[in-house]
Protein backbone atom coordinates (compact mmCIF):
# COMPACT_ATOMS: atom_id res chain seq x y z
CA MET A 1 0.59 0.14 -0.22
CA ARG A 2 1.34 3.55 -0.72
CA ASP A 3 2.06 6.10 1.86
CA THR A 4 -0.18 9.08 1.66
CA PHE A 5 2.07 11.95 1.65
CA ASN A 6 1.26 14.68 4.49
CA GLU A 7 4.17 16.99 4.38
CA ILE A 8 4.93 19.62 1.81
CA ASN A 9 8.42 20.59 0.64
CA ILE A 10 9.66 23.93 0.42
CA THR A 11 13.18 23.20 -0.76
CA PRO A 12 12.26 24.47 -4.49
CA LEU A 13 10.35 27.13 -3.16
CA THR A 14 13.39 28.85 -1.16
CA ASP A 15 15.31 27.92 -3.41
CA ILE A 16 13.73 30.60 -6.05
CA PHE A 17 13.48 32.58 -3.13
CA LEU A 18 16.93 32.77 -3.45
CA VAL A 19 17.35 33.35 -6.88
CA LEU A 20 15.43 36.74 -6.98
CA LEU A 21 16.78 38.05 -3.45
CA ILE A 22 20.09 37.79 -5.56
CA ILE A 23 18.74 38.93 -8.69
CA MET A 24 17.23 41.72 -7.06
CA MET A 25 20.58 42.96 -5.29
CA VAL A 26 22.02 42.65 -8.28
CA ILE A 27 19.76 44.74 -9.72
CA ALA A 28 19.02 47.61 -7.38
CA PRO A 29 22.10 49.66 -7.77
CA LEU A 30 21.59 49.81 -11.80
CA LEU A 31 18.56 51.47 -11.32
CA ASP A 32 19.90 54.39 -9.30
CA GLN A 33 19.09 57.21 -12.23
CA GLN A 34 20.85 60.75 -12.51
CA GLY A 35 18.27 63.65 -11.85
CA LEU A 36 19.32 67.43 -11.94
CA ASN A 37 21.08 69.25 -9.66
CA LEU A 38 18.74 71.59 -7.73
CA THR A 39 19.28 74.08 -5.23
CA VAL A 40 15.99 76.08 -3.26
CA PRO A 41 16.71 79.35 -2.98
CA GLU A 42 15.96 80.66 0.39
CA ASN A 43 13.09 82.95 1.10
CA VAL A 44 14.96 86.43 0.81
CA ALA A 45 12.75 90.00 1.26
CA GLU A 46 11.82 92.02 -1.78
CA GLU A 47 13.91 95.35 -1.10
CA GLN A 48 16.64 93.12 -0.46
CA VAL A 49 16.63 92.22 -4.23
CA GLN A 50 18.76 94.63 -6.28
CA LYS A 51 16.13 96.98 -8.38
CA ASP A 52 19.49 97.45 -11.28
CA THR A 53 19.61 93.33 -12.13
CA LYS A 54 19.14 92.75 -15.87
CA ILE A 55 17.63 89.58 -15.66
CA LEU A 56 16.60 88.38 -19.03
CA THR A 57 12.45 86.32 -18.71
CA VAL A 58 11.29 83.28 -21.23
CA ASN A 59 7.86 82.44 -20.29
CA VAL A 60 6.61 78.85 -20.78
CA SER A 61 3.09 79.03 -21.74
CA ALA A 62 0.32 76.10 -20.79
CA ASP A 63 0.35 74.40 -24.36
CA ASP A 64 4.54 74.83 -24.11
CA LYS A 65 5.57 77.58 -26.24
CA TYR A 66 8.26 79.92 -25.59
CA TYR A 67 7.73 83.37 -25.34
CA ILE A 68 10.85 86.22 -25.12
CA ASP A 69 9.86 90.00 -24.37
CA GLY A 70 6.21 88.78 -25.31
CA GLU A 71 6.98 87.47 -28.45
CA GLU A 72 6.60 83.95 -29.73
CA VAL A 73 9.86 81.73 -29.79
CA PRO A 74 9.84 78.59 -31.74
CA ALA A 75 11.58 75.29 -30.92
CA ASP A 76 13.69 75.28 -32.87
CA SER A 77 15.32 78.79 -33.47
CA LEU A 78 15.21 78.73 -29.41
CA GLU A 79 18.50 78.82 -28.70
CA ALA A 80 19.80 81.08 -31.19
CA ALA A 81 16.81 83.57 -29.89
CA ILE A 82 18.63 83.06 -26.43
CA LYS A 83 21.73 83.21 -27.40
CA SER A 84 20.90 87.03 -29.15
CA LYS A 85 19.14 88.28 -26.42
CA ALA A 86 21.95 87.19 -23.27
CA VAL A 87 24.09 89.69 -24.50
CA ASP A 88 22.23 92.36 -23.20
CA PHE A 89 21.32 90.16 -19.43
CA PRO A 90 24.87 89.70 -18.09
CA ASP A 91 22.64 88.69 -15.17
CA GLY A 92 21.47 85.66 -16.24
CA MET A 93 17.76 84.15 -16.89
CA MET A 94 14.58 83.59 -15.24
CA ILE A 95 12.08 80.69 -16.36
CA GLU A 96 8.50 81.94 -15.82
CA SER A 97 6.06 78.93 -16.39
CA ASP A 98 2.54 78.11 -16.68
CA GLY A 99 1.03 75.60 -14.04
CA ASP A 100 0.30 73.10 -16.58
CA ALA A 101 3.31 73.64 -18.82
CA THR A 102 5.06 69.90 -19.08
CA HIS A 103 8.49 69.24 -17.71
CA GLY A 104 10.12 68.75 -20.65
CA ALA A 105 9.24 72.12 -21.84
CA VAL A 106 11.14 73.58 -19.96
CA VAL A 107 13.81 71.15 -19.12
CA LYS A 108 14.00 72.33 -23.16
CA LEU A 109 14.32 75.83 -22.68
CA MET A 110 17.01 74.85 -19.23
CA ASP A 111 19.15 73.37 -22.13
CA SER A 112 18.75 75.75 -24.62
CA ALA A 113 19.77 78.10 -21.85
CA ARG A 114 23.02 76.47 -20.63
CA ASN A 115 23.69 75.56 -25.05
CA SER A 116 23.69 79.34 -25.48
CA GLY A 117 26.15 80.50 -22.46
CA VAL A 118 23.58 81.66 -19.92
CA THR A 119 25.37 80.60 -16.56
CA SER A 120 22.33 81.43 -14.29
CA ILE A 121 18.93 80.26 -14.58
CA SER A 122 15.72 80.49 -12.35
CA VAL A 123 12.84 78.71 -12.38
CA SER A 124 9.33 80.36 -11.22
CA GLU A 125 5.75 79.30 -11.45
CA VAL A 126 3.29 81.98 -12.52
């Protein structure tokens, strides 16, 4: 007569979990992605800000269009437009972004500004 099976063998289950644990330990360091290095400004009273600073202001609308001095600038000529305007604004650039603008549009503007030689970039939401 055949004996009944009363116990569950958990050895294969333990082997699977150990293999999954090793895979996760190997892959986890590879998932560390580089992000943007952002510095959060401290609150500064308005009277401390110098009034004679020359900062180029670029607006990003909700539909991801760029405006410099109220004029719309196409995305493909953004870098050239910033380069020509940045000569008159040595103190940097202020990006005023609409709350509904996409992150990609703002990052594209920041990249174009860096490629144009702008060294100081600030971002605000309007």
